Amino acid sequence: MDKLAALPIDWANVNWPYVCSLVALVFVCTFFGSALSLGRTILCCVLTALLFATAFIYWTYYPHDLPLPTLATPQKNAPSATAQPPWLMRDPTADSPSKRY
């Protein structure tokens, strides 16, 4: 029990409803994956992974308006993939028709 207390995790800030919901989701997916695989281990793993991915995407991204617990993390502003360094950017007025003549 001393090793558990020494972990650098703030147990008071863990979102327990979210953790318990995901554990229940994995349990249900594993149950159905093992039932559908009929005792084949690799098939069970593949089916469970696919079922969990489908359920998790539905849970997280589908707008079902149910009061489900979610992991509240702020979105980070990632740099745009099309952003160019300033020295590669072109002047938009350089190719204008009024400048040519």
Protein backbone atom coordinates (compact mmCIF):
# COMPACT_ATOMS: atom_id res chain seq x y z
CA MET A 1 0.00 0.00 0.00
CA ASP A 2 2.99 2.31 0.50
CA LYS A 3 3.87 2.01 -3.21
CA LEU A 4 0.36 3.13 -4.18
CA ALA A 5 0.67 6.24 -2.03
CA ALA A 6 4.05 7.06 -3.61
CA LEU A 7 2.64 7.30 -7.15
CA PRO A 8 2.70 10.85 -8.55
CA ILE A 9 -1.04 10.81 -9.28
CA ASP A 10 -3.46 13.19 -7.64
CA TRP A 11 -6.23 10.69 -6.90
CA ALA A 12 -8.64 13.45 -5.86
CA ASN A 13 -8.59 14.95 -9.35
CA VAL A 14 -9.27 11.73 -11.23
CA ASN A 15 -12.54 11.91 -13.15
CA TRP A 16 -13.95 8.70 -11.66
CA PRO A 17 -17.26 8.65 -13.56
CA TYR A 18 -15.30 8.88 -16.83
CA VAL A 19 -12.89 6.10 -15.80
CA CYS A 20 -15.72 3.84 -14.60
CA SER A 21 -17.70 4.48 -17.78
CA LEU A 22 -14.76 3.53 -19.98
CA VAL A 23 -14.09 0.42 -17.89
CA ALA A 24 -17.74 -0.61 -18.32
CA LEU A 25 -17.51 0.09 -22.04
CA VAL A 26 -14.40 -2.09 -22.36
CA PHE A 27 -16.09 -4.85 -20.33
CA VAL A 28 -19.15 -4.88 -22.59
CA CYS A 29 -17.02 -4.81 -25.76
CA THR A 30 -14.85 -7.64 -24.45
CA PHE A 31 -17.92 -9.67 -23.53
CA PHE A 32 -19.42 -9.33 -27.01
CA GLY A 33 -16.04 -9.77 -28.74
CA SER A 34 -15.35 -13.02 -26.92
CA ALA A 35 -18.90 -14.26 -27.49
CA LEU A 36 -18.69 -13.57 -31.22
CA SER A 37 -15.20 -15.07 -31.63
CA LEU A 38 -16.25 -18.54 -30.40
CA GLY A 39 -13.04 -19.17 -28.45
CA ARG A 40 -10.52 -17.88 -30.99
CA THR A 41 -8.08 -15.60 -29.16
CA ILE A 42 -6.82 -13.44 -32.04
CA LEU A 43 -10.32 -12.98 -33.43
CA CYS A 44 -11.50 -12.04 -29.95
CA CYS A 45 -8.82 -9.36 -29.69
CA VAL A 46 -9.62 -7.92 -33.12
CA LEU A 47 -13.38 -7.90 -32.52
CA THR A 48 -12.98 -6.35 -29.08
CA ALA A 49 -10.73 -3.61 -30.43
CA LEU A 50 -13.15 -2.84 -33.27
CA LEU A 51 -16.15 -2.84 -30.95
CA PHE A 52 -14.40 -0.56 -28.48
CA ALA A 53 -13.26 1.85 -31.21
CA THR A 54 -16.82 2.04 -32.57
CA ALA A 55 -18.37 2.51 -29.14
CA PHE A 56 -15.80 5.08 -28.06
CA ILE A 57 -16.21 7.15 -31.23
CA TYR A 58 -19.99 7.04 -30.83
CA TRP A 59 -19.68 7.95 -27.14
CA THR A 60 -17.28 10.82 -27.70
CA TYR A 61 -18.18 12.37 -31.05
CA TYR A 62 -21.82 11.61 -31.85
CA PRO A 63 -24.14 14.43 -30.74
CA HIS A 64 -26.57 12.26 -28.78
CA ASP A 65 -27.31 14.89 -26.07
CA LEU A 66 -27.02 12.39 -23.23
CA PRO A 67 -25.40 13.48 -19.95
CA LEU A 68 -22.39 11.19 -20.35
CA PRO A 69 -19.14 11.92 -18.52
CA THR A 70 -16.38 13.15 -20.79
CA LEU A 71 -12.76 14.00 -20.28
CA ALA A 72 -12.63 17.79 -20.07
CA THR A 73 -9.33 18.90 -21.53
CA PRO A 74 -8.78 22.24 -23.21
CA GLN A 75 -8.06 22.19 -26.91
CA LYS A 76 -4.51 23.22 -27.72
CA ASN A 77 -3.98 25.59 -30.60
CA ALA A 78 -1.97 23.48 -32.98
CA PRO A 79 -0.15 25.23 -35.79
CA SER A 80 -1.83 24.91 -39.15
CA ALA A 81 -0.40 22.29 -41.45
CA THR A 82 -0.49 24.80 -44.32
CA ALA A 83 1.30 27.56 -42.44
CA GLN A 84 4.44 28.77 -44.14
CA PRO A 85 7.42 30.59 -42.74
CA PRO A 86 7.32 34.36 -43.40
CA TRP A 87 10.20 34.23 -45.89
CA LEU A 88 8.24 31.82 -48.13
CA MET A 89 4.99 33.78 -48.15
CA ARG A 90 4.21 35.63 -51.36
CA ASP A 91 2.97 39.17 -51.59
CA PRO A 92 -0.68 38.89 -52.76
CA THR A 93 -0.46 42.24 -54.56
CA ALA A 94 2.63 41.25 -56.60
CA ASP A 95 0.63 39.41 -59.27
CA SER A 96 -2.34 41.75 -59.44
CA PRO A 97 -3.31 42.88 -62.97
CA SER A 98 -3.09 46.58 -62.03
CA LYS A 99 0.60 46.25 -61.11
CA ARG A 100 1.61 44.65 -64.41
CA TYR A 101 0.78 47.59 -66.67
